[in-house]
Amino acid sequence: MAPSECTHCAVAFPSLSNDLRSRLRGDLPSSDADVKHLLSMVESDALRCDAELERLNVQVLRLQNARQRIQQREAACVSLLAPIKKVPADILTNILAQSSTTNELWQKRGVDRSGLVPSTVILSGVCASWRKLTHSTPSLWANFSIVSSRKIKNLGHLLHLLKLYLQHSYQYPLSFQVSCSKTIHIHADVYTLLCQHAERWRAVTLDIDNKSLQLESLLNIQGRLPLLEEIEIMNTGGSNNFKPFSVCPRLRKFICGAMVDTINIPWVQIEELVLYAKSAVTAAECCVRCPQLTSLELYTTQTSKIDRVREELPFVTSLKLTLPTQESHDNQTLLANTFKQFALPALESLTIYGEGNLAHSWSPHTFRSFLKASACSITSLTLETVGINSSELIEILSNLPSLTSLEIIDQFVNNKVDEANNQAKNLAPQIFDHEVLRALTYDELRPCLVPELTSLTVSAYGSAFKDEDVVSMVLSRYDLGGNAVKTLRTVNLTIDCDINESVYKPLISLKRYGLNAQIC
């Protein structure tokens, strides 16, 4: 066999010789010895070829691995150009903080979430740099919640997560929530761990609706809360004299949904109070204990006869009233009782929120009496699902000449089809209509409502006005120079119906001159 040399690797392999060709084509028979000799040569060449193929395969595999490593290096180099790599560490920390606001160490509400992984733990596992950043940022681990409506079976997992968060938060102030239902016990070891770090508590929420649980005995923290600024207590279990928070030198905000008389806190320090009280009388009795009060939010559920003098809260600048879902005349009484109970001379912001389909719940006379007794200058008014009509709104605004910001959120479905006669029926009054727009429109020939208004926000189902009326009102109050009405600078209009966008083009074009108009 004549050898043949590979042009790439210079390895010679025999090819078909002339002698073998002649033997194959000839008529003379070949001896067995000659054929066996030829076969041994062929087998030897095959073994050499196999060995060379194996060597080349190993080399190909080595080159493929090298190529893969080169590609990994290339991807790593390209990743250095990613925008996230150029974000400064402080900004990235803020991004991670916004993404780790729901650190639920344990939560079960109707579904099994025992395998839940808190958000900060997830973020710390993205990459080495994020793990280093999260572990060096205690604030990411200082906010967590333990909420359970079922028995906690895997207590070890919960305690492990709690220890992890307490360890990585170092000495950073803690904000946490502990909540359980009537029949659930959160193990005492959880409270023991939390109480070991009582000196770091900054904001605490307790909602323990279990009257057989002696929560006060578990919270052995009295006098050990130097950083506590905010408490939210919705339930205290079975305690009738809850004292763990009686000494809190920095406490300023208190949210109370439990029986007020059962909780002992330093009331004279409270500046922000959110109170779920049975009646306006109970709320007033509680507010009197807070001489430094500046912000008040009330949720009352029962009407009662007013047999006490009006209480003056001299420093309250913000008031929010929440009306529960019940009959409209009860809500009217609730509002009236609340306005009768208080005088707020420093009041600047008023918010009234209704929790249901309220109708005609406003008491104009009582509101005027409240304003007269308070002698305040309200600059911000928010009305959300209160169920008043446009005439009542005009009446309200006529008593607020100093108003600069007005927000109306009307979530009522005003029109609904009656399937019996296939006709539309009105379920709730329309609070913002063409009459309100007309009263807000500036005209030299007649007085204008809320002349100091600079910001208007309206969100409603359907519309009881024309798009042109809105544009005319805004333009009439924009850039009036020395006139008696201030320029309207912000307009946010959200209507759940079709609008004619072309009509609003004049408002959009005024953005470059300072008008912030959002129409959708």
Protein backbone atom coordinates (compact mmCIF):
# COMPACT_ATOMS: atom_id res chain seq x y z
CA MET A 1 0.00 0.00 0.00
CA ALA A 2 1.36 3.42 -0.96
CA PRO A 3 1.33 5.89 1.94
CA SER A 4 -0.87 9.02 1.76
CA GLU A 5 0.05 12.05 3.90
CA CYS A 6 -2.56 14.32 5.52
CA THR A 7 -2.08 17.91 4.40
CA HIS A 8 -3.06 19.32 7.88
CA CYS A 9 -1.33 17.12 10.44
CA ALA A 10 1.37 15.41 8.27
CA VAL A 11 0.33 11.92 9.44
CA ALA A 12 0.81 9.26 6.69
CA PHE A 13 -1.83 6.58 6.07
CA PRO A 14 -1.40 3.89 3.33
CA SER A 15 -3.69 4.02 0.31
CA LEU A 16 -4.72 1.30 -2.18
CA SER A 17 -1.54 0.01 -3.93
CA ASN A 18 -1.17 -1.04 -7.59
CA ASP A 19 -0.35 -4.61 -6.50
CA LEU A 20 -3.64 -4.89 -4.62
CA ARG A 21 -5.55 -3.44 -7.57
CA SER A 22 -4.05 -5.98 -9.93
CA ARG A 23 -4.89 -8.78 -7.50
CA LEU A 24 -8.48 -7.56 -7.31
CA ARG A 25 -8.81 -7.28 -11.09
CA GLY A 26 -6.74 -10.30 -12.03
CA ASP A 27 -7.84 -13.89 -12.65
CA LEU A 28 -5.07 -15.57 -10.67
CA PRO A 29 -6.04 -16.65 -7.13
CA SER A 30 -4.19 -15.19 -4.12
CA SER A 31 -2.75 -17.40 -1.45
CA ASP A 32 -4.25 -17.35 2.03
CA ALA A 33 -0.95 -16.23 3.49
CA ASP A 34 -0.82 -13.18 1.22
CA VAL A 35 -4.42 -12.20 2.05
CA LYS A 36 -3.82 -12.61 5.79
CA HIS A 37 -0.72 -10.44 5.48
CA LEU A 38 -2.72 -7.74 3.69
CA LEU A 39 -5.48 -7.93 6.32
CA SER A 40 -2.99 -7.55 9.17
CA MET A 41 -1.59 -4.45 7.49
CA VAL A 42 -5.11 -3.00 7.06
CA GLU A 43 -6.01 -3.72 10.68
CA SER A 44 -2.78 -2.08 11.82
CA ASP A 45 -3.60 0.98 9.76
CA ALA A 46 -7.15 1.05 11.20
CA LEU A 47 -5.78 0.96 14.73
CA ARG A 48 -3.41 3.82 13.91
CA CYS A 49 -6.34 5.77 12.46
CA ASP A 50 -8.48 5.15 15.54
CA ALA A 51 -5.68 6.30 17.78
CA GLU A 52 -5.23 9.44 15.73
CA LEU A 53 -8.99 10.12 15.79
CA GLU A 54 -9.03 9.77 19.58
CA ARG A 55 -6.09 12.14 19.84
CA LEU A 56 -7.82 14.66 17.57
CA ASN A 57 -11.13 14.30 19.46
CA VAL A 58 -9.33 15.07 22.71
CA GLN A 59 -7.78 18.09 21.06
CA VAL A 60 -11.18 19.22 19.69
CA LEU A 61 -12.72 18.83 23.14
CA ARG A 62 -9.86 20.81 24.65
CA LEU A 63 -10.35 23.55 22.06
CA GLN A 64 -14.12 23.56 22.64
CA ASN A 65 -13.58 24.00 26.38
CA ALA A 66 -11.10 26.75 25.72
CA ARG A 67 -13.61 28.41 23.37
CA GLN A 68 -16.32 28.17 26.04
CA ARG A 69 -14.04 29.82 28.59
CA ILE A 70 -13.26 32.57 26.09
CA GLN A 71 -16.99 33.12 25.53
CA GLN A 72 -17.52 33.33 29.30
CA ARG A 73 -14.75 35.90 29.54
CA GLU A 74 -16.34 37.79 26.63
CA ALA A 75 -19.75 37.77 28.37
CA ALA A 76 -18.11 38.95 31.59
CA CYS A 77 -16.40 41.80 29.74
CA VAL A 78 -19.68 42.78 28.05
CA SER A 79 -21.47 42.71 31.42
CA LEU A 80 -19.10 45.40 32.61
CA LEU A 81 -20.81 47.71 30.11
CA ALA A 82 -24.30 47.00 31.54
CA PRO A 83 -26.06 50.13 32.88
CA ILE A 84 -26.60 48.47 36.28
CA LYS A 85 -22.80 48.32 36.72
CA LYS A 86 -22.63 52.09 36.36
CA VAL A 87 -25.24 52.80 39.03
CA PRO A 88 -23.59 54.27 42.14
CA ALA A 89 -23.78 52.11 45.25
CA ASP A 90 -26.00 54.56 47.15
CA ILE A 91 -28.55 54.69 44.31
CA LEU A 92 -28.49 50.88 43.95
CA THR A 93 -29.06 50.62 47.68
CA ASN A 94 -32.16 52.80 47.34
CA ILE A 95 -33.41 50.61 44.49
CA LEU A 96 -32.94 47.48 46.59
CA ALA A 97 -34.68 49.19 49.50
CA GLN A 98 -37.72 49.92 47.33
CA SER A 99 -37.75 46.26 46.22
CA SER A 100 -37.54 44.80 49.72
CA THR A 101 -40.45 46.53 51.44
CA THR A 102 -42.43 43.27 51.91
CA ASN A 103 -40.19 41.12 54.06
CA GLU A 104 -42.82 38.60 55.10
CA LEU A 105 -41.01 36.15 57.35
CA TRP A 106 -44.24 34.22 57.68
CA GLN A 107 -47.65 34.80 56.19
CA LYS A 108 -50.63 32.54 55.79
CA ARG A 109 -53.97 33.96 54.78
CA GLY A 110 -56.06 31.23 53.20
CA VAL A 111 -53.15 29.84 51.11
CA ASP A 112 -50.10 27.82 52.12
CA ARG A 113 -47.02 30.01 51.76
CA SER A 114 -44.73 28.03 54.08
CA GLY A 115 -42.00 28.07 51.42
CA LEU A 116 -42.07 31.85 51.27
CA VAL A 117 -38.69 33.52 50.78
CA PRO A 118 -38.51 37.15 52.00
CA SER A 119 -37.59 39.75 49.41
CA THR A 120 -34.25 40.78 50.94
CA VAL A 121 -33.10 37.15 51.00
CA ILE A 122 -34.00 36.88 47.30
CA LEU A 123 -32.07 40.04 46.45
CA SER A 124 -29.01 38.83 48.35
CA GLY A 125 -28.89 35.73 46.13
CA VAL A 126 -28.82 37.49 42.75
CA CYS A 127 -25.04 37.88 42.51
CA ALA A 128 -21.94 38.29 44.65
CA SER A 129 -21.98 42.09 44.47
CA TRP A 130 -25.66 42.29 45.47
CA ARG A 131 -25.03 39.83 48.31
CA LYS A 132 -22.14 41.97 49.53
CA LEU A 133 -24.26 45.12 49.22
CA THR A 134 -27.32 43.67 51.01
CA HIS A 135 -25.20 42.23 53.81
CA SER A 136 -23.51 45.60 54.30
CA THR A 137 -26.82 47.54 54.36
CA PRO A 138 -28.59 46.95 57.69
CA SER A 139 -31.66 48.97 56.72
CA LEU A 140 -32.68 46.28 54.18
CA TRP A 141 -33.07 43.79 57.03
CA ALA A 142 -34.70 46.08 59.58
CA ASN A 143 -38.27 45.92 58.23
CA PHE A 144 -40.28 42.68 58.40
CA SER A 145 -43.67 41.17 59.29
CA ILE A 146 -45.00 37.98 60.84
CA VAL A 147 -48.66 37.47 59.93
CA SER A 148 -50.48 34.21 60.51
CA SER A 149 -54.07 33.06 60.40
CA ARG A 150 -53.09 29.39 60.71
CA LYS A 151 -50.95 27.39 63.09
CA ILE A 152 -47.25 27.79 62.37
CA LYS A 153 -45.96 24.26 61.80
CA ASN A 154 -42.34 24.94 60.85
CA LEU A 155 -41.31 27.05 63.82
CA GLY A 156 -37.62 26.39 63.19
CA HIS A 157 -37.81 27.99 59.73
CA LEU A 158 -39.50 31.09 61.13
CA LEU A 159 -36.97 31.45 63.96
CA HIS A 160 -34.09 31.00 61.50
CA LEU A 161 -35.39 33.82 59.29
CA LEU A 162 -36.04 36.06 62.27
CA LYS A 163 -32.51 35.51 63.61
CA LEU A 164 -31.11 36.18 60.12
CA TYR A 165 -32.90 39.54 59.91
CA LEU A 166 -31.99 40.55 63.43
CA GLN A 167 -28.35 39.62 62.82
CA HIS A 168 -27.93 41.44 59.47
CA SER A 169 -29.78 44.55 60.68
CA TYR A 170 -26.99 45.04 63.25
CA GLN A 171 -27.90 48.12 65.35
CA TYR A 172 -30.28 49.68 62.80
CA PRO A 173 -33.72 50.71 64.22
CA LEU A 174 -36.36 48.00 63.65
CA SER A 175 -39.85 48.29 62.13
CA PHE A 176 -42.00 45.18 62.27
CA GLN A 177 -45.54 43.79 62.43
CA VAL A 178 -46.82 40.81 64.43
CA SER A 179 -50.37 39.68 63.72
CA CYS A 180 -52.38 36.57 64.48
CA SER A 181 -56.05 35.53 64.55
CA LYS A 182 -58.24 34.57 67.51
CA THR A 183 -57.27 30.89 67.60
CA ILE A 184 -53.57 31.19 66.76
CA HIS A 185 -50.61 31.39 69.12
CA ILE A 186 -47.34 32.78 67.81
CA HIS A 187 -44.72 30.91 69.81
CA ALA A 188 -43.21 32.65 72.82
CA ASP A 189 -39.72 32.19 71.31
CA VAL A 190 -40.66 34.73 68.63
CA TYR A 191 -41.51 37.38 71.22
CA THR A 192 -38.38 36.49 73.21
CA LEU A 193 -36.16 37.10 70.18
CA LEU A 194 -37.89 40.41 69.41
CA CYS A 195 -37.69 41.59 73.02
CA GLN A 196 -33.95 40.94 73.07
CA HIS A 197 -33.68 43.80 70.59
CA ALA A 198 -36.28 46.11 72.20
CA GLU A 199 -33.70 48.90 72.42
CA ARG A 200 -33.79 49.06 68.60
CA TRP A 201 -37.57 49.15 68.09
CA ARG A 202 -38.59 52.19 66.02
CA ALA A 203 -42.07 51.33 64.65
CA VAL A 204 -44.19 48.44 65.93
CA THR A 205 -47.55 47.02 64.82
CA LEU A 206 -49.37 44.55 67.06
CA ASP A 207 -52.63 42.89 66.02
CA ILE A 208 -53.07 40.01 68.47
CA ASP A 209 -56.72 39.01 68.34
CA ASN A 210 -56.32 36.19 70.85
CA LYS A 211 -57.88 36.90 74.23
CA SER A 212 -56.26 33.85 75.85
CA LEU A 213 -52.76 35.08 75.00
CA GLN A 214 -51.11 37.04 77.82
CA LEU A 215 -49.22 39.35 75.49
CA GLU A 216 -48.11 41.73 78.21
CA SER A 217 -46.24 38.96 80.03
CA LEU A 218 -44.40 38.11 76.81
CA LEU A 219 -43.40 41.71 76.10
CA ASN A 220 -41.05 42.34 79.01
CA ILE A 221 -39.88 45.66 77.56
CA GLN A 222 -41.19 48.39 79.84
CA GLY A 223 -38.59 51.15 80.09
CA ARG A 224 -36.42 49.62 77.33
CA LEU A 225 -37.71 51.50 74.28
CA PRO A 226 -35.45 54.54 73.76
CA LEU A 227 -35.94 54.68 69.96
CA LEU A 228 -39.65 53.87 69.63
CA GLU A 229 -41.39 56.57 67.55
CA GLU A 230 -44.54 54.86 66.24
CA ILE A 231 -46.94 52.25 67.66
CA GLU A 232 -49.91 50.62 65.96
CA ILE A 233 -52.03 48.50 68.30
CA MET A 234 -55.12 46.95 66.73
CA ASN A 235 -55.60 44.29 69.42
CA THR A 236 -53.85 43.48 72.69
CA GLY A 237 -55.21 40.00 73.35
CA GLY A 238 -56.88 39.71 76.74
CA SER A 239 -55.04 42.50 78.53
CA ASN A 240 -57.13 45.10 80.39
CA ASN A 241 -54.19 47.30 81.35
CA PHE A 242 -51.56 47.17 78.64
CA LYS A 243 -48.37 48.78 79.98
CA PRO A 244 -45.35 47.69 77.88
CA PHE A 245 -45.30 51.05 76.08
CA SER A 246 -45.85 53.31 79.07
CA VAL A 247 -42.28 54.67 78.91
CA CYS A 248 -41.25 55.71 75.37
CA PRO A 249 -39.35 59.03 75.36
CA ARG A 250 -39.41 59.42 71.55
CA LEU A 251 -42.95 58.21 70.87
CA ARG A 252 -44.81 60.62 68.58
CA LYS A 253 -47.32 58.59 66.50
CA PHE A 254 -50.01 56.26 67.82
CA ILE A 255 -52.45 54.18 65.75
CA CYS A 256 -55.07 52.58 67.97
CA GLY A 257 -57.76 50.09 66.97
CA ALA A 258 -58.13 48.51 70.41
CA MET A 259 -59.98 49.77 73.48
CA VAL A 260 -58.30 53.07 74.27
CA ASP A 261 -58.89 52.79 78.01
CA THR A 262 -56.90 49.53 78.18
CA ILE A 263 -53.67 51.00 76.77
CA ASN A 264 -51.15 52.92 78.82
CA ILE A 265 -48.86 55.14 76.72
CA PRO A 266 -47.32 58.62 77.21
CA TRP A 267 -50.26 60.48 75.65
CA VAL A 268 -48.76 63.94 76.24
CA GLN A 269 -46.02 63.16 73.70
CA ILE A 270 -48.34 62.12 70.84
CA GLU A 271 -48.29 64.40 67.79
CA GLU A 272 -49.96 62.08 65.22
CA LEU A 273 -53.01 60.07 66.24
CA VAL A 274 -55.02 57.56 64.20
CA LEU A 275 -57.97 56.48 66.29
CA TYR A 276 -60.65 53.83 65.74
CA ALA A 277 -63.18 54.92 68.36
CA LYS A 278 -66.76 53.94 69.05
CA SER A 279 -68.02 57.52 69.01
CA ALA A 280 -66.91 61.11 68.57
CA VAL A 281 -67.25 61.57 72.33
CA THR A 282 -64.75 58.79 73.01
CA ALA A 283 -62.44 60.26 70.38
CA ALA A 284 -62.63 63.70 71.97
CA GLU A 285 -61.84 62.29 75.41
CA CYS A 286 -58.78 60.61 73.95
CA CYS A 287 -57.60 63.65 72.00
CA VAL A 288 -57.70 65.83 75.11
CA ARG A 289 -54.88 63.69 76.49
CA CYS A 290 -52.64 64.80 73.57
CA PRO A 291 -51.88 68.52 74.01
CA GLN A 292 -49.16 68.40 71.31
CA LEU A 293 -51.39 66.81 68.67
CA THR A 294 -50.81 68.08 65.09
CA SER A 295 -52.37 65.34 62.92
CA LEU A 296 -55.63 63.52 63.66
CA GLU A 297 -57.36 60.68 61.81
CA LEU A 298 -60.67 59.40 63.17
CA TYR A 299 -62.75 56.34 62.41
CA THR A 300 -65.98 56.29 64.44
CA THR A 301 -68.80 53.77 64.13
CA GLN A 302 -71.50 54.75 66.64
CA THR A 303 -73.64 57.82 66.99
CA SER A 304 -74.18 59.21 70.46
CA LYS A 305 -75.71 62.25 72.04
CA ILE A 306 -73.32 65.16 72.49
CA ASP A 307 -73.45 66.32 76.10
CA ARG A 308 -70.02 67.89 76.47
CA VAL A 309 -68.42 71.14 75.39
CA ARG A 310 -66.47 71.49 72.19
CA GLU A 311 -62.80 70.50 72.67
CA GLU A 312 -60.18 72.83 71.19
CA LEU A 313 -57.04 71.20 69.78
CA PRO A 314 -54.84 74.24 69.11
CA PHE A 315 -52.06 72.59 67.09
CA VAL A 316 -53.91 70.17 64.80
CA THR A 317 -53.18 71.08 61.17
CA SER A 318 -54.44 67.88 59.48
CA LEU A 319 -57.77 66.09 60.01
CA LYS A 320 -59.04 62.94 58.27
CA LEU A 321 -62.50 61.51 58.95
CA THR A 322 -63.45 58.02 57.76
CA LEU A 323 -67.14 57.17 57.46
CA PRO A 324 -68.04 53.46 57.75
CA THR A 325 -70.49 51.61 55.54
CA GLN A 326 -73.92 52.18 57.02
CA GLU A 327 -77.14 54.14 56.49
CA SER A 328 -76.68 57.68 55.21
CA HIS A 329 -78.48 59.38 58.11
CA ASP A 330 -76.12 57.65 60.56
CA ASN A 331 -73.15 58.95 58.61
CA GLN A 332 -74.63 62.43 58.64
CA THR A 333 -74.93 62.15 62.42
CA LEU A 334 -71.37 60.87 62.67
CA LEU A 335 -70.06 63.82 60.71
CA ALA A 336 -72.18 66.25 62.65
CA ASN A 337 -71.05 64.82 66.00
CA THR A 338 -67.41 64.98 64.96
CA PHE A 339 -67.68 68.60 63.86
CA LYS A 340 -69.55 69.44 67.07
CA GLN A 341 -66.89 67.89 69.27
CA PHE A 342 -63.85 69.80 68.03
CA ALA A 343 -62.51 73.28 67.38
CA LEU A 344 -59.29 73.26 65.34
CA PRO A 345 -57.94 76.80 64.91
CA ALA A 346 -54.73 75.66 63.16
CA LEU A 347 -56.44 73.28 60.71
CA GLU A 348 -55.04 73.44 57.15
CA SER A 349 -55.85 70.05 55.60
CA LEU A 350 -59.22 68.24 55.74
CA THR A 351 -59.90 64.77 54.29
CA ILE A 352 -63.23 62.97 54.40
CA TYR A 353 -63.36 59.38 53.22
CA GLY A 354 -66.45 57.20 52.85
CA GLU A 355 -66.20 53.40 52.89
CA GLY A 356 -69.35 52.60 50.99
CA ASN A 357 -72.31 53.85 48.97
CA LEU A 358 -73.10 56.85 51.11
CA ALA A 359 -75.72 59.30 50.03
CA HIS A 360 -76.36 62.83 51.30
CA SER A 361 -74.14 62.35 54.36
CA TRP A 362 -73.13 66.00 54.58
CA SER A 363 -74.32 68.39 57.26
CA PRO A 364 -73.81 71.96 55.91
CA HIS A 365 -75.02 73.74 59.04
CA THR A 366 -72.76 71.76 61.37
CA PHE A 367 -69.79 72.27 59.06
CA ARG A 368 -70.32 76.03 59.03
CA SER A 369 -70.55 76.00 62.82
CA PHE A 370 -67.32 74.03 62.99
CA LEU A 371 -65.53 76.53 60.73
CA LYS A 372 -66.88 79.44 62.76
CA ALA A 373 -65.82 77.89 66.08
CA SER A 374 -62.39 76.95 64.71
CA ALA A 375 -61.72 80.20 62.83
CA CYS A 376 -59.26 78.21 60.71
CA SER A 377 -57.97 78.67 57.16
CA ILE A 378 -58.28 75.34 55.36
CA THR A 379 -55.96 75.22 52.35
CA SER A 380 -56.35 71.56 51.31
CA LEU A 381 -59.58 69.56 50.94
CA THR A 382 -59.95 65.91 49.87
CA LEU A 383 -63.37 64.29 49.44
CA GLU A 384 -63.32 60.58 48.60
CA THR A 385 -66.57 58.62 48.00
CA VAL A 386 -68.58 60.76 50.40
CA GLY A 387 -71.73 60.68 48.29
CA ILE A 388 -72.64 64.36 48.28
CA ASN A 389 -74.12 66.13 45.27
CA SER A 390 -72.81 69.09 43.32
CA SER A 391 -74.95 71.64 45.19
CA GLU A 392 -73.52 70.46 48.50
CA LEU A 393 -70.00 70.64 47.09
CA ILE A 394 -70.58 74.22 46.00
CA GLU A 395 -71.89 74.95 49.51
CA ILE A 396 -68.72 73.49 51.02
CA LEU A 397 -66.38 75.40 48.70
CA SER A 398 -68.19 78.66 49.31
CA ASN A 399 -67.11 78.40 52.97
CA LEU A 400 -63.45 77.79 52.11
CA PRO A 401 -62.11 80.94 50.43
CA SER A 402 -58.50 80.13 51.43
CA LEU A 403 -58.50 76.73 49.67
CA THR A 404 -55.46 76.16 47.43
CA SER A 405 -55.73 72.40 46.76
CA LEU A 406 -58.91 70.45 45.97
CA GLU A 407 -59.07 66.68 45.38
CA ILE A 408 -62.31 64.88 44.57
CA ILE A 409 -62.31 61.09 44.24
CA ASP A 410 -65.79 59.90 43.32
CA GLN A 411 -65.77 56.09 43.08
CA PHE A 412 -69.52 55.69 42.78
CA VAL A 413 -70.96 54.10 39.65
CA ASN A 414 -73.49 56.80 39.02
CA ASN A 415 -75.44 55.11 36.28
CA LYS A 416 -76.40 51.45 36.13
CA VAL A 417 -78.80 49.68 33.79
CA ASP A 418 -81.97 48.37 35.38
CA GLU A 419 -82.44 44.96 33.73
CA ALA A 420 -86.19 44.94 34.44
CA ASN A 421 -87.02 47.87 32.16
CA ASN A 422 -83.65 48.29 30.42
CA GLN A 423 -83.32 51.86 31.66
CA ALA A 424 -80.48 53.64 33.41
CA LYS A 425 -81.04 54.37 37.06
CA ASN A 426 -79.09 56.80 39.21
CA LEU A 427 -77.46 55.14 42.23
CA ALA A 428 -75.52 58.07 43.66
CA PRO A 429 -75.34 61.82 43.25
CA GLN A 430 -72.82 63.26 40.84
CA ILE A 431 -70.51 65.44 42.84
CA PHE A 432 -68.55 67.11 40.03
CA ASP A 433 -70.71 68.42 37.19
CA HIS A 434 -71.18 71.45 34.96
CA GLU A 435 -72.61 73.48 37.83
CA VAL A 436 -69.42 73.04 39.85
CA LEU A 437 -67.32 73.94 36.81
CA ARG A 438 -69.42 77.03 36.23
CA ALA A 439 -68.95 78.08 39.86
CA LEU A 440 -65.19 77.58 39.56
CA THR A 441 -64.90 79.52 36.29
CA TYR A 442 -63.55 83.03 36.71
CA ASP A 443 -65.78 85.80 35.42
CA GLU A 444 -65.38 89.50 36.09
CA LEU A 445 -69.15 89.90 36.33
CA ARG A 446 -69.71 87.46 39.23
CA PRO A 447 -67.75 86.09 42.21
CA CYS A 448 -65.70 82.95 41.76
CA LEU A 449 -65.40 79.99 44.15
CA VAL A 450 -62.07 79.33 45.92
CA PRO A 451 -60.10 82.21 44.35
CA GLU A 452 -56.83 80.92 45.90
CA LEU A 453 -57.08 77.51 44.18
CA THR A 454 -53.86 76.41 42.43
CA SER A 455 -54.28 72.61 42.29
CA LEU A 456 -57.32 70.58 41.19
CA THR A 457 -57.60 66.75 41.06
CA VAL A 458 -60.78 64.97 40.00
CA SER A 459 -61.29 61.21 39.59
CA ALA A 460 -64.77 59.91 38.83
CA TYR A 461 -66.90 57.35 37.02
CA GLY A 462 -68.60 58.91 34.03
CA SER A 463 -68.92 62.63 33.52
CA ALA A 464 -71.72 65.10 34.07
CA PHE A 465 -69.98 67.89 32.18
CA LYS A 466 -68.59 68.70 28.77
CA ASP A 467 -64.89 68.59 28.02
CA GLU A 468 -65.13 72.15 26.74
CA ASP A 469 -66.37 73.29 30.17
CA VAL A 470 -63.21 71.97 31.84
CA VAL A 471 -60.95 73.72 29.34
CA SER A 472 -62.85 76.99 29.69
CA MET A 473 -62.63 76.85 33.50
CA VAL A 474 -58.87 76.18 33.50
CA LEU A 475 -58.12 78.85 30.91
CA SER A 476 -60.21 81.39 32.82
CA ARG A 477 -58.02 80.89 35.90
CA TYR A 478 -54.63 80.71 34.19
CA ASP A 479 -52.08 83.52 34.22
CA LEU A 480 -54.46 86.30 35.21
CA GLY A 481 -51.78 88.73 36.30
CA GLY A 482 -53.13 91.16 38.85
CA ASN A 483 -56.66 89.78 38.94
CA ALA A 484 -58.32 88.58 42.14
CA VAL A 485 -58.00 84.87 41.24
CA LYS A 486 -54.75 82.96 41.46
CA THR A 487 -53.36 80.98 38.54
CA LEU A 488 -54.35 77.31 38.40
CA ARG A 489 -51.03 75.46 38.10
CA THR A 490 -51.98 71.77 38.43
CA VAL A 491 -54.95 69.95 36.87
CA ASN A 492 -55.34 66.15 37.13
CA LEU A 493 -58.52 64.82 35.56
CA THR A 494 -59.27 61.07 35.46
CA ILE A 495 -62.68 60.13 34.06
CA ASP A 496 -63.87 56.56 33.46
CA CYS A 497 -65.38 57.34 30.07
CA ASP A 498 -64.34 58.44 26.60
CA ILE A 499 -62.92 61.95 26.37
CA ASN A 500 -62.24 64.16 23.38
CA GLU A 501 -58.47 64.55 23.52
CA SER A 502 -58.45 67.24 20.84
CA VAL A 503 -60.51 69.53 23.10
CA TYR A 504 -57.77 69.42 25.76
CA LYS A 505 -54.94 70.40 23.42
CA PRO A 506 -54.95 74.03 24.67
CA LEU A 507 -54.17 72.76 28.17
CA ILE A 508 -51.41 70.44 26.98
CA SER A 509 -49.80 73.27 25.03
CA LEU A 510 -49.58 75.34 28.23
CA LYS A 511 -47.22 72.83 29.87
CA ARG A 512 -44.19 74.75 28.67
CA TYR A 513 -45.55 77.82 30.45
CA GLY A 514 -45.88 76.05 33.80
CA LEU A 515 -49.32 74.39 33.68
CA ASN A 516 -49.15 70.75 34.81
CA ALA A 517 -52.18 69.14 33.14
CA GLN A 518 -52.87 65.38 33.21
CA ILE A 519 -56.04 64.31 31.39
CA CYS A 520 -56.97 60.64 31.03
